[in-house]
Amino acid sequence: MDSSSQEAEEKRKINEVKTFFVPFALEAIKEDITINTNAPSKPSKEKIINQAFKFHSQGNIPEAAKCYQYCINQDFNDHRVFSNYGAILQGLGKSQEAEFSYSKAIEIKPDFAEAHYNRGNVLSSLGKLKESELSYSKAIEIKSDYAEAHLNLGNTLRDLSNLEDAELSYRKAIELNSDYAEAHSNLGNILKSLGKLDEAIFYYEKAINIDKNLESALEGIGRSLFKKGNHSDGLLKIREAIGSIGFNPNKSSITIN
């Protein structure tokens, strides 16, 4: 793997979409709803919203989307509807529409941390890094123990070349969730970039102890070892990371950075 490929891999974000966790027992909803606008009596607003949540939680995305769209068309100004519909749009790759939906959820409920977080993810995917930074920061302001928001804020700060603040964000994510393998690995990447190779290896090893198959941490150890002059062990770790069984360092050319 050359240096440009490594850089691209290290900049890959973990943009996890957060749907709204419905505040009731899903199993308590027994009936399905058929939305018929021509019926003499329509289902109640809350009943339709609850049905959308049920479909969404069951993975029935087409039906959930229909319910959310119906709610929006009927001017049901419910932050949960716009946030979850944004998650569906984001999953379909409709990033601009998703951003609008999350923004609408925030307009209705400004202290909705999950919507700020998800909007940050969308903005990041659109390359709007400064706006993404603001959204993650707002999510953290509302919910200070939001480990995922700290992680993705770190990713955005890293992509803005603000490595010192990115390091602080990753450390905060780890403080909040000591088993957060990605945070350990991403912190290792930052420390490696800052030349703190021994500390980088420490965090890569922590990441692998949590997730032994985390390729970015395995490769990170390899590159750190190589930089320290331990070329043999470094190349073995890189080979393990890329899964190249037939790798032969005498015949293959790779760039270590």
C-alpha atoms as a PDB file:
ATOM      1  CA  MET A   1       0.000   0.000   0.000  1.00  0.00           C
ATOM      2  CA  ASP A   2       1.531   3.353  -1.041  1.00  0.00           C
ATOM      3  CA  SER A   3       1.530   6.569   0.973  1.00  0.00           C
ATOM      4  CA  SER A   4      -1.497   8.051  -0.807  1.00  0.00           C
ATOM      5  CA  SER A   5      -3.540   4.918  -0.137  1.00  0.00           C
ATOM      6  CA  GLN A   6      -2.496   4.983   3.515  1.00  0.00           C
ATOM      7  CA  GLU A   7      -3.485   8.620   3.832  1.00  0.00           C
ATOM      8  CA  ALA A   8      -6.874   7.927   2.271  1.00  0.00           C
ATOM      9  CA  GLU A   9      -7.444   5.004   4.619  1.00  0.00           C
ATOM     10  CA  GLU A  10      -6.527   7.035   7.675  1.00  0.00           C
ATOM     11  CA  LYS A  11      -8.985   9.725   6.585  1.00  0.00           C
ATOM     12  CA  ARG A  12     -11.848   7.240   6.272  1.00  0.00           C
ATOM     13  CA  LYS A  13     -14.529   8.311   8.721  1.00  0.00           C
ATOM     14  CA  ILE A  14     -16.766   6.234  10.875  1.00  0.00           C
ATOM     15  CA  ASN A  15     -20.007   8.004  10.103  1.00  0.00           C
ATOM     16  CA  GLU A  16     -22.513   6.085  12.070  1.00  0.00           C
ATOM     17  CA  VAL A  17     -26.135   7.129  11.546  1.00  0.00           C
ATOM     18  CA  LYS A  18     -28.073   7.406  14.782  1.00  0.00           C
ATOM     19  CA  THR A  19     -31.802   6.753  14.536  1.00  0.00           C
ATOM     20  CA  PHE A  20     -34.106   7.905  17.292  1.00  0.00           C
ATOM     21  CA  PHE A  21     -34.600   5.289  19.976  1.00  0.00           C
ATOM     22  CA  VAL A  22     -38.369   5.104  20.401  1.00  0.00           C
ATOM     23  CA  PRO A  23     -39.527   5.670  23.983  1.00  0.00           C
ATOM     24  CA  PHE A  24     -41.888   2.737  24.208  1.00  0.00           C
ATOM     25  CA  ALA A  25     -41.943  -1.044  23.907  1.00  0.00           C
ATOM     26  CA  LEU A  26     -42.234  -1.885  20.227  1.00  0.00           C
ATOM     27  CA  GLU A  27     -43.861  -5.197  20.989  1.00  0.00           C
ATOM     28  CA  ALA A  28     -46.786  -3.310  22.504  1.00  0.00           C
ATOM     29  CA  ILE A  29     -47.829  -2.134  19.026  1.00  0.00           C
ATOM     30  CA  LYS A  30     -49.736  -5.080  17.609  1.00  0.00           C
ATOM     31  CA  GLU A  31     -51.432  -3.678  14.540  1.00  0.00           C
ATOM     32  CA  ASP A  32     -50.042  -2.378  11.288  1.00  0.00           C
ATOM     33  CA  ILE A  33     -51.443   0.784   9.777  1.00  0.00           C
ATOM     34  CA  THR A  34     -52.506   1.229   6.187  1.00  0.00           C
ATOM     35  CA  ILE A  35     -52.518   4.922   5.408  1.00  0.00           C
ATOM     36  CA  ASN A  36     -55.623   5.614   3.350  1.00  0.00           C
ATOM     37  CA  THR A  37     -56.288   9.284   2.787  1.00  0.00           C
ATOM     38  CA  ASN A  38     -59.762   8.510   1.408  1.00  0.00           C
ATOM     39  CA  ALA A  39     -60.912   6.738   4.577  1.00  0.00           C
ATOM     40  CA  PRO A  40     -63.639   8.513   6.593  1.00  0.00           C
ATOM     41  CA  SER A  41     -61.449   8.499   9.728  1.00  0.00           C
ATOM     42  CA  LYS A  42     -57.687   8.769   9.610  1.00  0.00           C
ATOM     43  CA  PRO A  43     -55.247   7.246  12.112  1.00  0.00           C
ATOM     44  CA  SER A  44     -54.061   9.662  14.772  1.00  0.00           C
ATOM     45  CA  LYS A  45     -50.809  11.574  14.360  1.00  0.00           C
ATOM     46  CA  GLU A  46     -49.093   9.636  17.150  1.00  0.00           C
ATOM     47  CA  LYS A  47     -50.323   6.306  15.810  1.00  0.00           C
ATOM     48  CA  ILE A  48     -48.804   6.968  12.388  1.00  0.00           C
ATOM     49  CA  ILE A  49     -45.529   8.151  13.929  1.00  0.00           C
ATOM     50  CA  ASN A  50     -45.407   5.051  16.135  1.00  0.00           C
ATOM     51  CA  GLN A  51     -45.997   2.869  13.096  1.00  0.00           C
ATOM     52  CA  ALA A  52     -43.114   4.566  11.296  1.00  0.00           C
ATOM     53  CA  PHE A  53     -40.861   3.840  14.275  1.00  0.00           C
ATOM     54  CA  LYS A  54     -41.984   0.206  14.236  1.00  0.00           C
ATOM     55  CA  PHE A  55     -41.256  -0.233  10.531  1.00  0.00           C
ATOM     56  CA  HIS A  56     -37.893   1.495  10.939  1.00  0.00           C
ATOM     57  CA  SER A  57     -36.818  -0.631  13.902  1.00  0.00           C
ATOM     58  CA  GLN A  58     -37.782  -3.779  11.975  1.00  0.00           C
ATOM     59  CA  GLY A  59     -35.634  -2.739   9.019  1.00  0.00           C
ATOM     60  CA  ASN A  60     -38.643  -2.191   6.758  1.00  0.00           C
ATOM     61  CA  ILE A  61     -37.183   0.979   5.283  1.00  0.00           C
ATOM     62  CA  PRO A  62     -39.612   1.479   2.343  1.00  0.00           C
ATOM     63  CA  GLU A  63     -42.658   1.402   4.629  1.00  0.00           C
ATOM     64  CA  ALA A  64     -40.940   3.534   7.270  1.00  0.00           C
ATOM     65  CA  ALA A  65     -40.084   6.104   4.597  1.00  0.00           C
ATOM     66  CA  LYS A  66     -43.712   6.171   3.411  1.00  0.00           C
ATOM     67  CA  CYS A  67     -44.909   6.846   6.949  1.00  0.00           C
ATOM     68  CA  TYR A  68     -42.307   9.559   7.532  1.00  0.00           C
ATOM     69  CA  GLN A  69     -43.161  11.195   4.196  1.00  0.00           C
ATOM     70  CA  TYR A  70     -46.852  11.109   5.055  1.00  0.00           C
ATOM     71  CA  CYS A  71     -46.148  12.725   8.430  1.00  0.00           C
ATOM     72  CA  ILE A  72     -44.102  15.462   6.770  1.00  0.00           C
ATOM     73  CA  ASN A  73     -46.752  16.072   4.097  1.00  0.00           C
ATOM     74  CA  GLN A  74     -49.358  16.386   6.840  1.00  0.00           C
ATOM     75  CA  ASP A  75     -47.215  18.996   8.639  1.00  0.00           C
ATOM     76  CA  PHE A  76     -46.512  16.801  11.656  1.00  0.00           C
ATOM     77  CA  ASN A  77     -43.681  18.901  13.054  1.00  0.00           C
ATOM     78  CA  ASP A  78     -42.055  16.120  15.050  1.00  0.00           C
ATOM     79  CA  HIS A  79     -38.265  16.235  15.445  1.00  0.00           C
ATOM     80  CA  ARG A  80     -38.082  12.435  15.601  1.00  0.00           C
ATOM     81  CA  VAL A  81     -39.752  12.095  12.208  1.00  0.00           C
ATOM     82  CA  PHE A  82     -37.348  14.480  10.467  1.00  0.00           C
ATOM     83  CA  SER A  83     -34.309  12.960  12.177  1.00  0.00           C
ATOM     84  CA  ASN A  84     -35.180   9.381  11.286  1.00  0.00           C
ATOM     85  CA  TYR A  85     -36.203  10.312   7.762  1.00  0.00           C
ATOM     86  CA  GLY A  86     -32.821  12.018   7.470  1.00  0.00           C
ATOM     87  CA  ALA A  87     -31.165   8.751   8.497  1.00  0.00           C
ATOM     88  CA  ILE A  88     -33.016   6.928   5.708  1.00  0.00           C
ATOM     89  CA  LEU A  89     -32.052   9.570   3.140  1.00  0.00           C
ATOM     90  CA  GLN A  90     -28.436   9.428   4.306  1.00  0.00           C
ATOM     91  CA  GLY A  91     -28.441   5.647   3.952  1.00  0.00           C
ATOM     92  CA  LEU A  92     -29.701   6.066   0.383  1.00  0.00           C
ATOM     93  CA  GLY A  93     -26.849   8.448  -0.418  1.00  0.00           C
ATOM     94  CA  LYS A  94     -29.135  11.488  -0.638  1.00  0.00           C
ATOM     95  CA  SER A  95     -26.865  13.646   1.455  1.00  0.00           C
ATOM     96  CA  GLN A  96     -28.272  17.087   0.665  1.00  0.00           C
ATOM     97  CA  GLU A  97     -31.831  15.949   1.368  1.00  0.00           C
ATOM     98  CA  ALA A  98     -30.615  14.306   4.581  1.00  0.00           C
ATOM     99  CA  GLU A  99     -28.920  17.535   5.672  1.00  0.00           C
ATOM    100  CA  PHE A 100     -32.181  19.422   5.160  1.00  0.00           C
ATOM    101  CA  SER A 101     -34.126  16.837   7.159  1.00  0.00           C
ATOM    102  CA  TYR A 102     -31.670  16.917  10.075  1.00  0.00           C
ATOM    103  CA  SER A 103     -31.700  20.719   9.992  1.00  0.00           C
ATOM    104  CA  LYS A 104     -35.486  20.654  10.219  1.00  0.00           C
ATOM    105  CA  ALA A 105     -35.302  18.335  13.235  1.00  0.00           C
ATOM    106  CA  ILE A 106     -32.874  20.773  14.874  1.00  0.00           C
ATOM    107  CA  GLU A 107     -35.162  23.714  14.054  1.00  0.00           C
ATOM    108  CA  ILE A 108     -38.002  21.947  15.882  1.00  0.00           C
ATOM    109  CA  LYS A 109     -35.835  20.758  18.797  1.00  0.00           C
ATOM    110  CA  PRO A 110     -32.565  22.704  19.036  1.00  0.00           C
ATOM    111  CA  ASP A 111     -31.212  20.535  21.869  1.00  0.00           C
ATOM    112  CA  PHE A 112     -31.530  17.277  19.892  1.00  0.00           C
ATOM    113  CA  ALA A 113     -27.921  16.050  20.124  1.00  0.00           C
ATOM    114  CA  GLU A 114     -28.371  13.076  17.777  1.00  0.00           C
ATOM    115  CA  ALA A 115     -29.630  15.310  14.967  1.00  0.00           C
ATOM    116  CA  HIS A 116     -26.621  17.630  15.342  1.00  0.00           C
ATOM    117  CA  TYR A 117     -24.331  14.571  15.282  1.00  0.00           C
ATOM    118  CA  ASN A 118     -25.964  13.077  12.187  1.00  0.00           C
ATOM    119  CA  ARG A 119     -25.946  16.451  10.452  1.00  0.00           C
ATOM    120  CA  GLY A 120     -22.222  16.603  11.196  1.00  0.00           C
ATOM    121  CA  ASN A 121     -21.762  13.250   9.479  1.00  0.00           C
ATOM    122  CA  VAL A 122     -23.625  14.417   6.379  1.00  0.00           C
ATOM    123  CA  LEU A 123     -21.722  17.696   6.216  1.00  0.00           C
ATOM    124  CA  SER A 124     -18.462  15.785   6.525  1.00  0.00           C
ATOM    125  CA  SER A 125     -19.434  13.515   3.631  1.00  0.00           C
ATOM    126  CA  LEU A 126     -20.189  16.637   1.568  1.00  0.00           C
ATOM    127  CA  GLY A 127     -16.750  18.062   2.350  1.00  0.00           C
ATOM    128  CA  LYS A 128     -18.145  20.890   4.481  1.00  0.00           C
ATOM    129  CA  LEU A 129     -15.628  20.319   7.237  1.00  0.00           C
ATOM    130  CA  LYS A 130     -15.933  23.593   9.155  1.00  0.00           C
ATOM    131  CA  GLU A 131     -19.717  23.231   9.290  1.00  0.00           C
ATOM    132  CA  SER A 132     -19.286  19.595  10.291  1.00  0.00           C
ATOM    133  CA  GLU A 133     -16.986  20.657  13.125  1.00  0.00           C
ATOM    134  CA  LEU A 134     -19.643  23.061  14.394  1.00  0.00           C
ATOM    135  CA  SER A 135     -22.345  20.377  14.304  1.00  0.00           C
ATOM    136  CA  TYR A 136     -20.263  17.848  16.245  1.00  0.00           C
ATOM    137  CA  SER A 137     -19.291  20.543  18.744  1.00  0.00           C
ATOM    138  CA  LYS A 138     -22.955  21.437  19.240  1.00  0.00           C
ATOM    139  CA  ALA A 139     -23.852  17.781  19.815  1.00  0.00           C
ATOM    140  CA  ILE A 140     -21.112  17.609  22.468  1.00  0.00           C
ATOM    141  CA  GLU A 141     -22.261  20.875  24.049  1.00  0.00           C
ATOM    142  CA  ILE A 142     -25.706  19.328  24.487  1.00  0.00           C
ATOM    143  CA  LYS A 143     -24.484  15.843  25.431  1.00  0.00           C
ATOM    144  CA  SER A 144     -20.963  16.011  26.838  1.00  0.00           C
ATOM    145  CA  ASP A 145     -20.592  12.207  27.156  1.00  0.00           C
ATOM    146  CA  TYR A 146     -21.308  11.604  23.444  1.00  0.00           C
ATOM    147  CA  ALA A 147     -18.290   9.406  22.622  1.00  0.00           C
ATOM    148  CA  GLU A 148     -19.152   9.001  18.930  1.00  0.00           C
ATOM    149  CA  ALA A 149     -19.384  12.761  18.504  1.00  0.00           C
ATOM    150  CA  HIS A 150     -15.963  13.202  20.114  1.00  0.00           C
ATOM    151  CA  LEU A 151     -14.543  10.571  17.740  1.00  0.00           C
ATOM    152  CA  ASN A 152     -15.977  12.116  14.593  1.00  0.00           C
ATOM    153  CA  LEU A 153     -15.050  15.614  15.738  1.00  0.00           C
ATOM    154  CA  GLY A 154     -11.523  14.240  15.986  1.00  0.00           C
ATOM    155  CA  ASN A 155     -11.788  12.927  12.436  1.00  0.00           C
ATOM    156  CA  THR A 156     -12.927  16.298  11.145  1.00  0.00           C
ATOM    157  CA  LEU A 157     -10.224  18.180  13.036  1.00  0.00           C
ATOM    158  CA  ARG A 158      -7.665  15.747  11.628  1.00  0.00           C
ATOM    159  CA  ASP A 159      -8.884  16.447   8.092  1.00  0.00           C
ATOM    160  CA  LEU A 160      -8.599  20.170   8.831  1.00  0.00           C
ATOM    161  CA  SER A 161      -4.946  19.482   9.815  1.00  0.00           C
ATOM    162  CA  ASN A 162      -5.639  20.438  13.430  1.00  0.00           C
ATOM    163  CA  LEU A 163      -3.811  17.438  14.836  1.00  0.00           C
ATOM    164  CA  GLU A 164      -3.397  18.642  18.405  1.00  0.00           C
ATOM    165  CA  ASP A 165      -7.135  19.244  18.890  1.00  0.00           C
ATOM    166  CA  ALA A 166      -7.923  15.985  17.073  1.00  0.00           C
ATOM    167  CA  GLU A 167      -5.707  14.200  19.588  1.00  0.00           C
ATOM    168  CA  LEU A 168      -7.690  15.740  22.448  1.00  0.00           C
ATOM    169  CA  SER A 169     -10.988  14.640  20.891  1.00  0.00           C
ATOM    170  CA  TYR A 170      -9.817  11.048  20.477  1.00  0.00           C
ATOM    171  CA  ARG A 171      -8.548  10.987  24.059  1.00  0.00           C
ATOM    172  CA  LYS A 172     -11.945  12.226  25.261  1.00  0.00           C
ATOM    173  CA  ALA A 173     -13.729   9.500  23.251  1.00  0.00           C
ATOM    174  CA  ILE A 174     -11.492   6.891  24.904  1.00  0.00           C
ATOM    175  CA  GLU A 175     -12.090   8.423  28.337  1.00  0.00           C
ATOM    176  CA  LEU A 176     -15.834   8.022  27.777  1.00  0.00           C
ATOM    177  CA  ASN A 177     -15.583   4.550  26.221  1.00  0.00           C
ATOM    178  CA  SER A 178     -12.416   2.639  27.064  1.00  0.00           C
ATOM    179  CA  ASP A 179     -13.415  -0.158  24.644  1.00  0.00           C
ATOM    180  CA  TYR A 180     -13.679   2.148  21.632  1.00  0.00           C
ATOM    181  CA  ALA A 181     -11.260   0.410  19.261  1.00  0.00           C
ATOM    182  CA  GLU A 182     -11.577   2.986  16.478  1.00  0.00           C
ATOM    183  CA  ALA A 183     -10.759   5.819  18.862  1.00  0.00           C
ATOM    184  CA  HIS A 184      -7.600   4.043  20.039  1.00  0.00           C
ATOM    185  CA  SER A 185      -6.547   3.361  16.447  1.00  0.00           C
ATOM    186  CA  ASN A 186      -7.282   6.909  15.272  1.00  0.00           C
ATOM    187  CA  LEU A 187      -5.359   8.322  18.224  1.00  0.00           C
ATOM    188  CA  GLY A 188      -2.483   6.074  17.196  1.00  0.00           C
ATOM    189  CA  ASN A 189      -2.615   7.581  13.695  1.00  0.00           C
ATOM    190  CA  ILE A 190      -2.403  11.102  15.084  1.00  0.00           C
ATOM    191  CA  LEU A 191       0.473  10.243  17.420  1.00  0.00           C
ATOM    192  CA  LYS A 192       2.323   8.574  14.543  1.00  0.00           C
ATOM    193  CA  SER A 193       1.871  11.715  12.440  1.00  0.00           C
ATOM    194  CA  LEU A 194       3.240  13.765  15.350  1.00  0.00           C
ATOM    195  CA  GLY A 195       6.285  11.487  15.578  1.00  0.00           C
ATOM    196  CA  LYS A 196       5.292   9.984  18.946  1.00  0.00           C
ATOM    197  CA  LEU A 197       5.923   6.452  17.727  1.00  0.00           C
ATOM    198  CA  ASP A 198       6.126   4.563  21.022  1.00  0.00           C
ATOM    199  CA  GLU A 199       2.875   6.081  22.250  1.00  0.00           C
ATOM    200  CA  ALA A 200       1.270   5.428  18.851  1.00  0.00           C
ATOM    201  CA  ILE A 201       2.201   1.742  19.087  1.00  0.00           C
ATOM    202  CA  PHE A 202       0.720   1.619  22.597  1.00  0.00           C
ATOM    203  CA  TYR A 203      -2.668   2.831  21.350  1.00  0.00           C
ATOM    204  CA  TYR A 204      -2.596   0.621  18.254  1.00  0.00           C
ATOM    205  CA  GLU A 205      -2.004  -2.352  20.550  1.00  0.00           C
ATOM    206  CA  LYS A 206      -4.900  -1.246  22.760  1.00  0.00           C
ATOM    207  CA  ALA A 207      -7.113  -1.118  19.661  1.00  0.00           C
ATOM    208  CA  ILE A 208      -6.074  -4.630  18.604  1.00  0.00           C
ATOM    209  CA  ASN A 209      -6.701  -5.982  22.101  1.00  0.00           C
ATOM    210  CA  ILE A 210     -10.272  -4.750  21.696  1.00  0.00           C
ATOM    211  CA  ASP A 211     -10.663  -5.747  18.037  1.00  0.00           C
ATOM    212  CA  LYS A 212      -7.988  -8.132  16.800  1.00  0.00           C
ATOM    213  CA  ASN A 213      -9.165  -7.726  13.187  1.00  0.00           C
ATOM    214  CA  LEU A 214      -8.864  -3.946  13.050  1.00  0.00           C
ATOM    215  CA  GLU A 215      -6.666  -3.607   9.976  1.00  0.00           C
ATOM    216  CA  SER A 216      -5.928   0.096  10.452  1.00  0.00           C
ATOM    217  CA  ALA A 217      -4.353  -0.615  13.848  1.00  0.00           C
ATOM    218  CA  LEU A 218      -2.329  -3.551  12.542  1.00  0.00           C
ATOM    219  CA  GLU A 219      -0.993  -1.480   9.678  1.00  0.00           C
ATOM    220  CA  GLY A 220      -0.367   1.447  12.003  1.00  0.00           C
ATOM    221  CA  ILE A 221       1.840  -0.699  14.212  1.00  0.00           C
ATOM    222  CA  GLY A 222       3.703  -1.916  11.148  1.00  0.00           C
ATOM    223  CA  ARG A 223       4.395   1.561   9.856  1.00  0.00           C
ATOM    224  CA  SER A 224       5.405   2.802  13.299  1.00  0.00           C
ATOM    225  CA  LEU A 225       7.808  -0.103  13.757  1.00  0.00           C
ATOM    226  CA  PHE A 226       9.240   0.550  10.294  1.00  0.00           C
ATOM    227  CA  LYS A 227       9.790   4.208  11.160  1.00  0.00           C
ATOM    228  CA  LYS A 228      11.599   3.124  14.332  1.00  0.00           C
ATOM    229  CA  GLY A 229      13.961   1.027  12.209  1.00  0.00           C
ATOM    230  CA  ASN A 230      12.393  -2.371  12.939  1.00  0.00           C
ATOM    231  CA  HIS A 231      11.789  -3.112   9.274  1.00  0.00           C
ATOM    232  CA  SER A 232      11.273  -6.866   9.581  1.00  0.00           C
ATOM    233  CA  ASP A 233       8.512  -6.757  12.216  1.00  0.00           C
ATOM    234  CA  GLY A 234       7.035  -3.684  10.586  1.00  0.00           C
ATOM    235  CA  LEU A 235       6.639  -5.394   7.229  1.00  0.00           C
ATOM    236  CA  LEU A 236       5.132  -8.471   8.876  1.00  0.00           C
ATOM    237  CA  LYS A 237       2.463  -6.338  10.542  1.00  0.00           C
ATOM    238  CA  ILE A 238       1.703  -4.547   7.299  1.00  0.00           C
ATOM    239  CA  ARG A 239       1.423  -7.915   5.530  1.00  0.00           C
ATOM    240  CA  GLU A 240      -0.957  -9.101   8.231  1.00  0.00           C
ATOM    241  CA  ALA A 241      -3.050  -5.963   7.820  1.00  0.00           C
ATOM    242  CA  ILE A 242      -3.462  -6.138   4.059  1.00  0.00           C
ATOM    243  CA  GLY A 243      -3.980  -9.909   4.139  1.00  0.00           C
ATOM    244  CA  SER A 244      -1.464 -10.543   1.358  1.00  0.00           C
ATOM    245  CA  ILE A 245      -0.481 -14.163   1.957  1.00  0.00           C
ATOM    246  CA  GLY A 246       1.981 -14.189  -0.897  1.00  0.00           C
ATOM    247  CA  PHE A 247       3.643 -10.944   0.111  1.00  0.00           C
ATOM    248  CA  ASN A 248       7.390 -10.993  -0.440  1.00  0.00           C
ATOM    249  CA  PRO A 249       9.260  -7.848   0.680  1.00  0.00           C
ATOM    250  CA  ASN A 250      12.131  -8.759  -1.704  1.00  0.00           C
ATOM    251  CA  LYS A 251       9.832  -8.665  -4.731  1.00  0.00           C
ATOM    252  CA  SER A 252       7.207  -6.097  -3.771  1.00  0.00           C
ATOM    253  CA  SER A 253       7.664  -2.362  -3.523  1.00  0.00           C
ATOM    254  CA  ILE A 254       5.750  -0.430  -0.889  1.00  0.00           C
ATOM    255  CA  THR A 255       6.180   3.060   0.457  1.00  0.00           C
ATOM    256  CA  ILE A 256       6.394   3.499   4.233  1.00  0.00           C
ATOM    257  CA  ASN A 257       5.491   6.874   5.700  1.00  0.00           C
END
